[in-house]
Amino acid sequence: MAAGPAGRQGDTRARRKERIMTDTQILDVAIVGYGPVGQSLSILLARRGYRVAAFDRWPSLYPLPRAVFHDHEIRRVFHAMGLGADVAAISQPSAKYQWFNADWKTLVEIDWSAESISDGPVGYLFNQPMLEGLLDGKARSLPTVEINQGWEATALVQHADHCEVQLRHGTMQDGQWTPDGATRTVRARFVIGADGANSFVRKSAGIAQDDLGFEEDWLVIDVKPNPGVKLDVPDIGQWCNPARPTTMVPGGPGYRRWEFMRLPHETIDDLQKPEKVWELLSPWVNPDNATLVRYAVYKFRSLLAQQWRKGRVLLAGDAAHLMPPFMGQGMCSGIRDAWNLAWRLDLLLRGIATEDLLETYTAERLPQVRAVIDASIAMGQVVCIADREAAARRDEAFLSGQVPPLPPFPGLTGGVICTDLGTTGIAGQLSVHGQVEDDAGIARFDDRIANGFHVIALDADPGQYIDAESAALLTRLGTSTIGVTTDPSKVKAGRVLRDVSGRYARFFAEHGASVIVVRPDYYVYGGVSDPAQLPALLAKLEQELSLSPEAAQRKAA
């Protein structure tokens, strides 16, 4: 039954009271921007019990598709949010990513359908409005999150122990966001700018950007083919045709996307006429067999913030980096930012670490994102050739095998990783994930073992290698210690799990490790081949986590 006027007024009073409480208290974290990155960080922090408020200028979620791809690592993050099955229901495994020349000869083939280190295909395709709906629903289900849509940040001031964010409220009037006179000021220990390419937070903090030189206009078109329509189109492809470089990709189950590069003689207005849109789509679809969902010209750029932290202000997502879409890593990189920040803020807000731990955020994320942007630019430079002679030279180089394959996806090269002890090549790599078995049956490792720091040993219980000092550290961090084995005789209830597929055994063997330490974001801190080195590895971890004075005093006691 719908609430009557008295009920609605009571509801409004309750929300106003809650807002007043938020504005008079100091929040743990205020997040400016409520796209997938802000939503993800809200969930990751609130699941740990922190008081979070998210603010976004727009009164509702953006209803049109944008990102369409996430990789296996981000699927693990969604699972950690408690959304694994829900995201699986609105996405589809990727196929091979193929690049063709004008004559449809294959120049490059990247197998995104192959098995990944995360126990599943390399990538997945999805519809962003559906994904944002899931993330929003999850965030709103958590009691320590306050979602504030229609609020634009207008001022940001840092103090010794908190930040103040001034905001004004607005509504949509004739398609334009219009202030309605309501204002508020919130205080938080930390402010995260996840507010996009034109980030207010980045500009307010005085953080400069580097332009890495890529800039092209592309028309992006999303369509929904009619039921039963079968399209004669590569599943995921780049048509490197100098007459019109074109991208073709699923837009999630039931949707398709095309992207067309603007040619030098065309204007943006030329491309945004409905008749031009259908003309470009005509080799594959037409108004009789598909519905046009949306179309818009986007400027693909490559920008990178010079620093991602300034005092109590941090950047994430497009506020920190923009990249061409040819690797499908824009949203993925933003969610990696949130995932990386979440465990750092958790240690800090729990009083275990000092703010010095935040200094390594930029040191870890910026080089990895820079490598991804550089690879995206290189791919874009292959695709975005509108000169026939240059395209012919490109084709000859690829078809003759003169072009080396793409490098592997970058790991971490700095920050909280151990590169000078043990099997150093494993440090900074994404850790393996697979199915394990215990008395309760077969399940994902991350369903059996709670998220956090992990010490994982091959064919043994790592507890036997841990001294008293290391044990104290692991207790403070809430670390799980567990063994994995393919040998049934070495399985121990609750201590050594069966490695069902042998993934863990292969990963350890590849890197020559017997024990590894894995961070909460699934990156390997370090590994050792000799278990006797584990206490030394953990001692280095303790140094690099910037323990708070209180934590150090507890250790001394």
Protein backbone atom coordinates (compact mmCIF):
# COMPACT_ATOMS: atom_id res chain seq x y z
CA MET A 1 0.00 0.00 0.00
CA ALA A 2 1.33 3.46 -0.88
CA ALA A 3 2.18 5.78 2.00
CA GLY A 4 -0.26 8.61 2.66
CA PRO A 5 0.78 12.27 3.07
CA ALA A 6 1.58 11.83 6.76
CA GLY A 7 3.77 8.81 5.98
CA ARG A 8 5.63 10.65 3.22
CA GLN A 9 6.19 13.65 5.48
CA GLY A 10 7.52 11.35 8.19
CA ASP A 11 9.81 9.72 5.66
CA THR A 12 11.10 13.10 4.54
CA ARG A 13 11.69 14.21 8.13
CA ALA A 14 13.62 10.98 8.83
CA ARG A 15 15.82 11.50 5.76
CA ARG A 16 16.39 15.15 6.71
CA LYS A 17 17.35 14.09 10.24
CA GLU A 18 19.76 11.47 8.88
CA ARG A 19 21.31 14.09 6.57
CA ILE A 20 21.75 16.53 9.46
CA MET A 21 23.46 13.78 11.48
CA THR A 22 25.79 13.09 8.55
CA ASP A 23 26.63 16.77 8.18
CA THR A 24 27.42 17.24 11.88
CA GLN A 25 29.54 14.10 12.19
CA ILE A 26 32.92 13.45 10.63
CA LEU A 27 32.48 10.67 8.10
CA ASP A 28 35.21 8.15 7.46
CA VAL A 29 35.14 8.78 3.71
CA ALA A 30 33.23 11.11 1.38
CA ILE A 31 33.19 10.04 -2.26
CA VAL A 32 32.48 12.62 -4.95
CA GLY A 33 31.18 10.77 -8.00
CA TYR A 34 28.80 7.83 -8.06
CA GLY A 35 29.59 5.98 -11.25
CA PRO A 36 30.96 2.41 -11.15
CA VAL A 37 34.15 3.51 -9.38
CA GLY A 38 32.39 5.53 -6.66
CA GLN A 39 29.79 2.79 -6.27
CA SER A 40 32.46 0.11 -5.95
CA LEU A 41 34.46 2.02 -3.36
CA SER A 42 31.28 2.75 -1.38
CA ILE A 43 30.51 -0.98 -1.26
CA LEU A 44 34.05 -2.09 -0.45
CA LEU A 45 34.36 0.35 2.46
CA ALA A 46 30.83 -0.14 3.80
CA ARG A 47 31.26 -3.92 3.81
CA ARG A 48 34.10 -3.25 6.25
CA GLY A 49 31.76 -1.16 8.41
CA TYR A 50 32.97 2.37 7.59
CA ARG A 51 30.69 5.41 7.46
CA VAL A 52 30.64 6.52 3.83
CA ALA A 53 28.68 9.17 1.95
CA ALA A 54 28.68 9.30 -1.85
CA PHE A 55 27.63 12.40 -3.80
CA ASP A 56 26.85 12.82 -7.47
CA ARG A 57 25.69 15.83 -9.43
CA TRP A 58 23.14 13.88 -11.44
CA PRO A 59 19.79 13.11 -9.77
CA SER A 60 19.72 9.53 -11.11
CA LEU A 61 22.02 6.90 -12.55
CA TYR A 62 23.14 7.50 -16.13
CA PRO A 63 20.69 5.44 -18.23
CA LEU A 64 22.77 4.84 -21.39
CA PRO A 65 25.57 2.35 -22.11
CA ARG A 66 29.22 3.37 -21.90
CA ALA A 67 31.73 0.71 -20.80
CA VAL A 68 31.04 -2.80 -22.15
CA PHE A 69 34.04 -4.88 -21.01
CA HIS A 70 35.50 -6.06 -17.71
CA ASP A 71 38.30 -8.55 -17.24
CA HIS A 72 38.82 -11.55 -14.97
CA GLU A 73 40.48 -9.50 -12.24
CA ILE A 74 37.49 -7.18 -11.98
CA ARG A 75 35.15 -10.18 -11.93
CA ARG A 76 37.00 -11.26 -8.75
CA VAL A 77 36.39 -7.81 -7.28
CA PHE A 78 32.67 -8.04 -8.03
CA HIS A 79 32.65 -11.43 -6.32
CA ALA A 80 34.35 -9.87 -3.29
CA MET A 81 31.50 -7.34 -3.17
CA GLY A 82 29.00 -10.19 -2.95
CA LEU A 83 27.83 -9.65 -6.53
CA GLY A 84 29.47 -12.54 -8.38
CA ALA A 85 26.29 -14.38 -9.38
CA ASP A 86 24.39 -11.15 -10.10
CA VAL A 87 27.09 -9.83 -12.44
CA ALA A 88 27.35 -13.21 -14.16
CA ALA A 89 23.62 -13.02 -14.93
CA ILE A 90 23.97 -9.73 -16.85
CA SER A 91 27.20 -10.46 -18.72
CA GLN A 92 28.62 -12.93 -21.21
CA PRO A 93 32.08 -14.46 -21.61
CA SER A 94 34.21 -12.76 -24.21
CA ALA A 95 35.18 -14.28 -27.53
CA LYS A 96 38.42 -13.78 -29.44
CA TYR A 97 39.32 -10.13 -30.09
CA GLN A 98 40.22 -9.89 -33.78
CA TRP A 99 41.73 -7.08 -35.84
CA PHE A 100 41.14 -7.13 -39.59
CA ASN A 101 42.50 -5.07 -42.45
CA ALA A 102 40.25 -3.55 -45.11
CA ASP A 103 40.07 -6.92 -46.89
CA TRP A 104 39.11 -8.75 -43.67
CA LYS A 105 42.48 -10.48 -43.35
CA THR A 106 43.36 -11.08 -39.69
CA LEU A 107 46.14 -8.81 -38.46
CA VAL A 108 45.90 -9.53 -34.71
CA GLU A 109 44.02 -12.06 -32.63
CA ILE A 110 43.84 -11.85 -28.82
CA ASP A 111 42.05 -14.73 -27.16
CA TRP A 112 39.92 -13.11 -24.48
CA SER A 113 37.98 -16.37 -24.23
CA ALA A 114 41.05 -18.26 -22.96
CA GLU A 115 41.38 -19.42 -19.37
CA SER A 116 42.81 -16.71 -17.14
CA ILE A 117 44.77 -16.86 -13.91
CA SER A 118 41.49 -16.09 -12.12
CA ASP A 119 39.71 -19.36 -13.03
CA GLY A 120 37.53 -18.21 -15.91
CA PRO A 121 37.89 -16.48 -19.27
CA VAL A 122 40.05 -13.40 -19.67
CA GLY A 123 37.11 -11.07 -20.24
CA TYR A 124 33.37 -10.50 -20.13
CA LEU A 125 30.92 -8.19 -21.94
CA PHE A 126 28.11 -6.40 -20.11
CA ASN A 127 25.58 -3.58 -20.27
CA GLN A 128 26.67 -0.70 -18.03
CA PRO A 129 23.23 0.55 -16.91
CA MET A 130 22.46 -2.99 -15.71
CA LEU A 131 25.79 -3.17 -13.89
CA GLU A 132 25.31 0.22 -12.25
CA GLY A 133 21.85 -0.87 -11.13
CA LEU A 134 23.39 -3.88 -9.36
CA LEU A 135 26.12 -1.78 -7.74
CA ASP A 136 23.63 0.85 -6.64
CA GLY A 137 21.31 -1.76 -5.13
CA LYS A 138 24.20 -3.31 -3.22
CA ALA A 139 25.43 0.05 -1.92
CA ARG A 140 21.95 1.03 -0.73
CA SER A 141 21.58 -2.29 1.09
CA LEU A 142 24.54 -1.51 3.35
CA PRO A 143 23.61 0.40 6.52
CA THR A 144 26.71 2.63 6.74
CA VAL A 145 26.41 4.13 3.22
CA GLU A 146 24.48 7.30 2.42
CA ILE A 147 23.82 7.89 -1.30
CA ASN A 148 23.22 11.52 -2.28
CA GLN A 149 22.21 12.12 -5.91
CA GLY A 150 21.60 15.60 -7.25
CA TRP A 151 24.38 17.11 -5.12
CA GLU A 152 27.22 18.99 -6.81
CA ALA A 153 30.48 19.66 -4.94
CA THR A 154 31.34 23.38 -5.04
CA ALA A 155 34.20 23.78 -2.54
CA LEU A 156 36.75 21.54 -0.85
CA VAL A 157 38.87 22.55 2.14
CA GLN A 158 41.44 20.39 3.93
CA HIS A 159 42.05 20.66 7.68
CA ALA A 160 44.52 18.88 9.92
CA ASP A 161 42.27 15.91 10.68
CA HIS A 162 39.45 16.11 8.12
CA CYS A 163 38.13 17.74 4.94
CA GLU A 164 35.05 19.87 4.39
CA VAL A 165 33.05 19.55 1.18
CA GLN A 166 30.45 22.17 0.32
CA LEU A 167 27.64 21.02 -1.95
CA ARG A 168 24.57 22.43 -3.64
CA HIS A 169 21.48 20.55 -4.75
CA GLY A 170 19.94 20.64 -8.20
CA THR A 171 17.28 19.02 -10.35
CA MET A 172 16.85 18.44 -14.06
CA GLN A 173 14.90 21.25 -15.73
CA ASP A 174 14.35 21.02 -19.51
CA GLY A 175 17.26 18.61 -19.78
CA GLN A 176 19.65 20.83 -17.81
CA TRP A 177 20.93 20.41 -14.27
CA THR A 178 19.63 23.45 -12.35
CA PRO A 179 20.49 24.44 -8.75
CA ASP A 180 17.44 24.70 -6.50
CA GLY A 181 19.03 26.70 -3.66
CA ALA A 182 19.62 23.86 -1.17
CA THR A 183 23.18 23.60 0.17
CA ARG A 184 25.05 21.55 2.72
CA THR A 185 28.55 20.99 4.07
CA VAL A 186 29.89 17.57 5.00
CA ARG A 187 33.05 16.61 6.83
CA ALA A 188 35.09 13.47 6.29
CA ARG A 189 38.49 12.15 7.26
CA PHE A 190 39.22 11.49 3.59
CA VAL A 191 37.70 12.62 0.29
CA ILE A 192 37.90 10.51 -2.86
CA GLY A 193 37.48 12.20 -6.22
CA ALA A 194 35.78 9.64 -8.48
CA ASP A 195 34.04 12.41 -10.39
CA GLY A 196 35.20 11.79 -13.93
CA ALA A 197 37.38 13.42 -16.54
CA ASN A 198 36.44 16.98 -15.55
CA SER A 199 36.96 16.20 -11.87
CA PHE A 200 36.09 19.03 -9.49
CA VAL A 201 38.10 17.27 -6.77
CA ARG A 202 41.24 17.06 -8.90
CA LYS A 203 41.03 20.72 -9.86
CA SER A 204 40.28 21.80 -6.27
CA ALA A 205 43.33 19.90 -5.02
CA GLY A 206 45.49 21.61 -7.66
CA ILE A 207 46.62 18.33 -9.22
CA ALA A 208 47.96 18.71 -12.76
CA GLN A 209 47.53 16.25 -15.64
CA ASP A 210 49.92 15.04 -18.32
CA ASP A 211 48.56 14.77 -21.87
CA LEU A 212 50.05 11.62 -23.42
CA GLY A 213 49.19 12.70 -26.93
CA PHE A 214 46.30 10.56 -28.20
CA GLU A 215 43.17 12.38 -29.36
CA GLU A 216 40.59 11.10 -31.84
CA ASP A 217 36.83 11.61 -32.25
CA TRP A 218 34.72 8.46 -32.56
CA LEU A 219 30.99 8.02 -33.04
CA VAL A 220 29.72 5.41 -30.55
CA ILE A 221 26.43 3.69 -31.41
CA ASP A 222 24.53 1.16 -29.29
CA VAL A 223 21.73 -0.87 -30.81
CA LYS A 224 19.38 -3.63 -29.67
CA PRO A 225 18.78 -6.16 -32.47
CA ASN A 226 15.22 -7.44 -32.71
CA PRO A 227 14.52 -10.89 -31.23
CA GLY A 228 15.75 -13.65 -33.54
CA VAL A 229 17.95 -11.36 -35.64
CA LYS A 230 21.32 -12.94 -36.46
CA LEU A 231 24.00 -10.43 -37.39
CA ASP A 232 26.79 -11.25 -39.83
CA VAL A 233 29.48 -9.47 -37.84
CA PRO A 234 32.64 -10.49 -35.94
CA ASP A 235 31.86 -11.01 -32.28
CA ILE A 236 34.61 -8.62 -31.13
CA GLY A 237 36.56 -6.90 -33.86
CA GLN A 238 38.50 -3.91 -35.06
CA TRP A 239 38.07 -3.31 -38.78
CA CYS A 240 41.28 -1.43 -39.55
CA ASN A 241 39.90 -0.05 -42.79
CA PRO A 242 41.47 3.30 -43.73
CA ALA A 243 38.21 4.23 -45.43
CA ARG A 244 36.54 4.09 -42.00
CA PRO A 245 38.22 2.53 -38.93
CA THR A 246 35.44 0.67 -37.12
CA THR A 247 34.96 -1.18 -33.84
CA MET A 248 32.34 -3.93 -33.43
CA VAL A 249 31.65 -5.40 -30.00
CA PRO A 250 28.77 -6.84 -27.94
CA GLY A 251 27.18 -4.37 -25.57
CA GLY A 252 26.19 -7.08 -23.12
CA PRO A 253 23.55 -9.77 -23.64
CA GLY A 254 21.07 -8.61 -26.29
CA TYR A 255 22.99 -5.47 -27.34
CA ARG A 256 25.59 -4.58 -29.96
CA ARG A 257 27.94 -1.62 -30.28
CA TRP A 258 29.65 -0.02 -33.26
CA GLU A 259 32.23 2.74 -33.08
CA PHE A 260 33.26 4.75 -36.17
CA MET A 261 36.25 7.07 -36.32
CA ARG A 262 35.61 10.61 -37.55
CA LEU A 263 37.51 11.14 -40.79
CA PRO A 264 39.56 14.32 -41.35
CA HIS A 265 37.01 15.89 -43.72
CA GLU A 266 34.03 15.32 -41.39
CA THR A 267 32.64 17.45 -38.59
CA ILE A 268 31.17 16.15 -35.35
CA ASP A 269 27.78 17.48 -36.43
CA ASP A 270 28.06 15.44 -39.64
CA LEU A 271 28.36 12.23 -37.66
CA GLN A 272 25.53 12.94 -35.24
CA LYS A 273 22.74 13.09 -37.83
CA PRO A 274 20.37 10.08 -37.58
CA GLU A 275 20.57 9.44 -41.30
CA LYS A 276 24.37 9.28 -41.08
CA VAL A 277 24.16 6.88 -38.13
CA TRP A 278 21.98 4.47 -40.08
CA GLU A 279 24.14 4.89 -43.18
CA LEU A 280 27.20 3.77 -41.25
CA LEU A 281 25.32 0.85 -39.69
CA SER A 282 23.72 -0.23 -42.98
CA PRO A 283 26.18 -3.06 -43.84
CA TRP A 284 25.05 -4.87 -40.68
CA VAL A 285 21.73 -3.57 -39.30
CA ASN A 286 18.86 -1.29 -40.31
CA PRO A 287 15.76 0.23 -38.68
CA ASP A 288 13.72 -2.85 -39.64
CA ASN A 289 15.78 -5.30 -37.60
CA ALA A 290 17.22 -3.25 -34.73
CA THR A 291 16.42 -0.41 -32.34
CA LEU A 292 18.79 2.49 -31.90
CA VAL A 293 19.59 2.79 -28.17
CA ARG A 294 21.84 5.83 -28.35
CA TYR A 295 24.62 7.49 -30.36
CA ALA A 296 27.16 10.16 -29.44
CA VAL A 297 30.59 11.37 -30.47
CA TYR A 298 33.31 10.84 -27.87
CA LYS A 299 36.80 12.27 -27.88
CA PHE A 300 39.16 9.41 -27.05
CA ARG A 301 42.06 10.91 -25.09
CA SER A 302 45.05 9.88 -22.98
CA LEU A 303 45.46 11.92 -19.78
CA LEU A 304 47.19 11.02 -16.53
CA ALA A 305 47.13 12.91 -13.22
CA GLN A 306 50.64 13.60 -11.97
CA GLN A 307 49.79 12.55 -8.41
CA TRP A 308 46.79 10.71 -7.06
CA ARG A 309 46.99 11.88 -3.47
CA LYS A 310 47.25 15.33 -1.95
CA GLY A 311 46.86 15.30 1.81
CA ARG A 312 43.48 13.80 2.65
CA VAL A 313 42.28 13.93 -0.97
CA LEU A 314 42.74 11.00 -3.36
CA LEU A 315 41.73 10.41 -6.97
CA ALA A 316 40.27 7.32 -8.63
CA GLY A 317 38.91 6.41 -12.05
CA ASP A 318 38.65 8.95 -14.86
CA ALA A 319 39.53 11.73 -12.40
CA ALA A 320 43.03 10.17 -12.31
CA HIS A 321 43.37 8.75 -15.83
CA LEU A 322 41.79 8.68 -19.27
CA MET A 323 42.75 6.20 -21.97
CA PRO A 324 41.66 5.14 -25.46
CA PRO A 325 39.19 2.23 -25.29
CA PHE A 326 41.06 -0.28 -27.45
CA MET A 327 42.08 -2.50 -24.50
CA GLY A 328 38.71 -2.18 -22.73
CA GLN A 329 40.49 -1.04 -19.57
CA GLY A 330 38.96 2.35 -18.71
CA MET A 331 36.40 1.19 -16.15
CA CYS A 332 38.56 -1.76 -15.13
CA SER A 333 41.42 0.57 -14.20
CA GLY A 334 39.07 2.73 -12.13
CA ILE A 335 37.75 -0.24 -10.19
CA ARG A 336 41.35 -1.36 -9.59
CA ASP A 337 41.92 2.08 -8.05
CA ALA A 338 38.96 1.56 -5.69
CA TRP A 339 40.12 -1.97 -4.83
CA ASN A 340 43.64 -0.72 -4.10
CA LEU A 341 42.37 2.15 -1.96
CA ALA A 342 39.91 0.05 0.02
CA TRP A 343 42.45 -2.12 1.84
CA ARG A 344 44.76 0.84 2.49
CA LEU A 345 41.96 2.92 3.98
CA ASP A 346 40.84 -0.10 5.99
CA LEU A 347 44.25 -0.43 7.70
CA LEU A 348 44.41 3.30 8.26
CA LEU A 349 40.87 3.67 9.62
CA ARG A 350 41.38 0.66 11.91
CA GLY A 351 44.36 2.42 13.42
CA ILE A 352 46.83 -0.22 12.23
CA ALA A 353 48.66 1.94 9.67
CA THR A 354 49.52 5.63 9.43
CA GLU A 355 48.68 7.95 6.55
CA ASP A 356 52.13 7.18 5.12
CA LEU A 357 50.57 4.03 3.66
CA LEU A 358 48.60 6.25 1.27
CA GLU A 359 51.87 7.52 -0.22
CA THR A 360 52.32 4.20 -2.00
CA TYR A 361 48.92 4.46 -3.71
CA THR A 362 50.29 6.63 -6.51
CA ALA A 363 53.52 4.61 -6.62
CA GLU A 364 51.52 1.45 -7.34
CA ARG A 365 48.66 2.60 -9.48
CA LEU A 366 50.23 5.26 -11.69
CA PRO A 367 52.93 3.07 -13.34
CA GLN A 368 50.48 0.23 -13.97
CA VAL A 369 47.91 2.58 -15.49
CA ARG A 370 50.62 4.35 -17.52
CA ALA A 371 51.62 0.98 -19.02
CA VAL A 372 47.97 0.23 -19.85
CA ILE A 373 47.52 3.68 -21.44
CA ASP A 374 50.70 3.26 -23.49
CA ALA A 375 49.47 -0.11 -24.76
CA SER A 376 46.04 1.37 -25.52
CA ILE A 377 47.65 4.21 -27.46
CA ALA A 378 49.82 1.75 -29.42
CA MET A 379 46.72 -0.26 -30.30
CA GLY A 380 44.87 2.91 -31.25
CA GLN A 381 47.70 3.99 -33.53
CA VAL A 382 47.32 0.70 -35.39
CA VAL A 383 43.56 1.08 -35.74
CA CYS A 384 43.27 4.82 -36.43
CA ILE A 385 45.02 4.95 -39.80
CA ALA A 386 42.98 6.78 -42.44
CA ASP A 387 45.75 6.90 -45.07
CA ARG A 388 45.70 3.98 -47.54
CA GLU A 389 49.46 3.87 -48.10
CA ALA A 390 50.20 3.93 -44.39
CA ALA A 391 47.57 1.22 -43.85
CA ALA A 392 49.19 -0.93 -46.55
CA ARG A 393 52.57 -0.67 -44.79
CA ARG A 394 50.91 -1.58 -41.49
CA ASP A 395 49.19 -4.59 -43.06
CA GLU A 396 52.44 -5.85 -44.56
CA ALA A 397 54.21 -5.60 -41.21
CA PHE A 398 51.51 -7.53 -39.37
CA LEU A 399 50.85 -10.16 -42.05
CA SER A 400 54.59 -10.90 -42.42
CA GLY A 401 55.01 -11.40 -38.68
CA GLN A 402 57.29 -8.41 -38.18
CA VAL A 403 55.22 -6.99 -35.30
CA PRO A 404 55.87 -8.59 -31.89
CA PRO A 405 52.89 -9.71 -29.80
CA LEU A 406 51.44 -7.44 -27.15
CA PRO A 407 53.28 -7.59 -23.81
CA PRO A 408 51.56 -9.34 -20.89
CA PHE A 409 49.23 -7.28 -18.74
CA PRO A 410 51.37 -5.24 -16.33
CA GLY A 411 51.59 -6.02 -12.64
CA LEU A 412 52.83 -3.72 -9.88
CA THR A 413 56.39 -2.42 -10.04
CA GLY A 414 56.53 -0.38 -6.83
CA GLY A 415 54.80 0.30 -3.55
CA VAL A 416 53.99 -2.42 -1.02
CA ILE A 417 55.72 -5.34 -2.74
CA CYS A 418 58.93 -7.16 -1.82
CA THR A 419 61.41 -7.19 -4.70
CA ASP A 420 64.64 -7.90 -2.79
CA LEU A 421 63.97 -11.09 -0.85
CA GLY A 422 62.98 -14.59 -1.87
CA THR A 423 61.49 -15.32 -5.32
CA THR A 424 61.42 -11.68 -6.34
CA GLY A 425 59.84 -12.23 -9.76
CA ILE A 426 56.51 -13.10 -8.18
CA ALA A 427 56.19 -9.79 -6.28
CA GLY A 428 53.59 -7.49 -7.81
CA GLN A 429 51.95 -10.22 -9.90
CA LEU A 430 48.23 -10.92 -9.69
CA SER A 431 47.84 -14.07 -7.62
CA VAL A 432 46.27 -17.23 -8.91
CA HIS A 433 42.68 -18.17 -8.05
CA GLY A 434 40.97 -21.51 -8.39
CA GLN A 435 38.68 -24.15 -6.97
CA VAL A 436 39.61 -25.81 -3.68
CA GLU A 437 38.08 -28.66 -1.73
CA ASP A 438 37.57 -29.22 1.98
CA ASP A 439 35.09 -31.14 4.12
CA ALA A 440 32.29 -28.85 2.88
CA GLY A 441 32.98 -29.71 -0.76
CA ILE A 442 34.42 -27.88 -3.76
CA ALA A 443 34.20 -24.07 -3.90
CA ARG A 444 36.02 -20.96 -5.01
CA PHE A 445 39.07 -20.18 -2.87
CA ASP A 446 37.68 -16.73 -2.08
CA ASP A 447 34.44 -18.30 -0.86
CA ARG A 448 36.34 -20.52 1.54
CA ILE A 449 38.92 -17.98 2.74
CA ALA A 450 37.82 -14.48 3.84
CA ASN A 451 39.23 -11.47 2.02
CA GLY A 452 42.33 -9.97 3.60
CA PHE A 453 46.02 -10.72 3.73
CA HIS A 454 46.77 -14.38 2.99
CA VAL A 455 49.83 -16.52 3.64
CA ILE A 456 49.55 -19.50 1.28
CA ALA A 457 51.94 -22.45 1.32
CA LEU A 458 52.26 -25.28 -1.17
CA ASP A 459 51.80 -28.80 0.21
CA ALA A 460 52.00 -27.64 3.84
CA ASP A 461 50.38 -25.65 6.63
CA PRO A 462 52.27 -22.32 6.65
CA GLY A 463 51.65 -21.95 10.39
CA GLN A 464 54.64 -24.17 11.10
CA TYR A 465 56.98 -21.60 9.51
CA ILE A 466 55.71 -18.55 11.44
CA ASP A 467 57.56 -17.29 14.51
CA ALA A 468 55.99 -15.40 17.44
CA GLU A 469 56.76 -11.95 16.05
CA SER A 470 55.28 -12.81 12.66
CA ALA A 471 52.24 -14.34 14.33
CA ALA A 472 51.58 -11.07 16.19
CA LEU A 473 51.66 -9.13 12.92
CA LEU A 474 49.34 -11.58 11.19
CA THR A 475 46.89 -11.40 14.08
CA ARG A 476 46.79 -7.58 13.90
CA LEU A 477 46.21 -7.72 10.16
CA GLY A 478 43.59 -10.46 10.43
CA THR A 479 45.62 -12.64 8.06
CA SER A 480 44.49 -16.08 6.91
CA THR A 481 47.18 -18.78 6.75
CA ILE A 482 46.35 -21.76 4.58
CA GLY A 483 47.98 -24.51 2.55
CA VAL A 484 47.03 -25.87 -0.87
CA THR A 485 48.00 -29.23 -2.34
CA THR A 486 47.20 -31.62 -5.15
CA ASP A 487 48.25 -34.53 -2.93
CA PRO A 488 45.18 -35.91 -1.08
CA SER A 489 47.43 -37.33 1.65
CA LYS A 490 48.56 -33.82 2.61
CA VAL A 491 45.07 -32.35 3.01
CA LYS A 492 44.35 -31.21 6.59
CA ALA A 493 40.90 -30.09 7.67
CA GLY A 494 40.79 -26.28 7.86
CA ARG A 495 44.54 -25.97 7.29
CA VAL A 496 45.50 -27.48 3.91
CA LEU A 497 42.96 -27.46 1.07
CA ARG A 498 42.97 -29.62 -2.03
CA ASP A 499 44.00 -27.73 -5.17
CA VAL A 500 41.27 -29.14 -7.40
CA SER A 501 42.62 -28.12 -10.82
CA GLY A 502 46.31 -27.85 -9.97
CA ARG A 503 46.31 -24.10 -10.66
CA TYR A 504 48.08 -23.26 -7.43
CA ALA A 505 50.72 -25.96 -7.92
CA ARG A 506 51.47 -24.63 -11.43
CA PHE A 507 51.63 -21.02 -10.23
CA PHE A 508 54.03 -21.86 -7.38
CA ALA A 509 56.19 -23.98 -9.69
CA GLU A 510 56.32 -21.28 -12.37
CA HIS A 511 57.73 -18.80 -9.86
CA GLY A 512 59.81 -21.19 -7.80
CA ALA A 513 57.90 -20.41 -4.61
CA SER A 514 56.91 -22.56 -1.66
CA VAL A 515 55.09 -19.84 0.32
CA ILE A 516 53.55 -16.55 -0.88
CA VAL A 517 52.04 -13.57 0.90
CA VAL A 518 49.01 -12.15 -0.91
CA ARG A 519 47.50 -8.72 -0.26
CA PRO A 520 43.76 -8.06 0.12
CA ASP A 521 43.62 -6.88 -3.52
CA TYR A 522 44.96 -10.29 -4.66
CA TYR A 523 48.39 -9.00 -5.68
CA VAL A 524 51.37 -10.94 -4.39
CA TYR A 525 53.41 -9.03 -1.82
CA GLY A 526 56.26 -11.53 -2.11
CA GLY A 527 57.20 -15.17 -2.07
CA VAL A 528 59.97 -17.44 -0.83
CA SER A 529 61.33 -20.73 -2.08
CA ASP A 530 62.70 -21.62 1.35
CA PRO A 531 59.97 -21.53 4.02
CA ALA A 532 62.61 -20.52 6.58
CA GLN A 533 62.64 -17.10 4.87
CA LEU A 534 58.95 -16.45 5.61
CA PRO A 535 59.55 -14.58 8.93
CA ALA A 536 61.98 -12.23 7.16
CA LEU A 537 59.44 -11.63 4.39
CA LEU A 538 56.75 -10.82 6.95
CA ALA A 539 59.13 -8.51 8.82
CA LYS A 540 59.59 -6.50 5.61
CA LEU A 541 55.82 -6.37 5.13
CA GLU A 542 55.47 -4.95 8.63
CA GLN A 543 57.95 -2.17 7.79
CA GLU A 544 56.23 -1.27 4.52
CA LEU A 545 52.73 -1.11 5.99
CA SER A 546 53.63 2.03 7.98
CA LEU A 547 52.32 0.75 11.30
CA SER A 548 50.80 3.40 13.54
CA PRO A 549 52.60 4.31 16.80
CA GLU A 550 49.77 2.69 18.74
CA ALA A 551 50.21 -0.55 16.79
CA ALA A 552 53.96 -0.42 17.36
CA GLN A 553 53.39 0.09 21.09
CA ARG A 554 51.06 -2.90 21.19
CA LYS A 555 53.76 -4.93 19.49
CA ALA A 556 56.40 -3.81 22.03
CA ALA A 557 54.09 -4.69 24.92
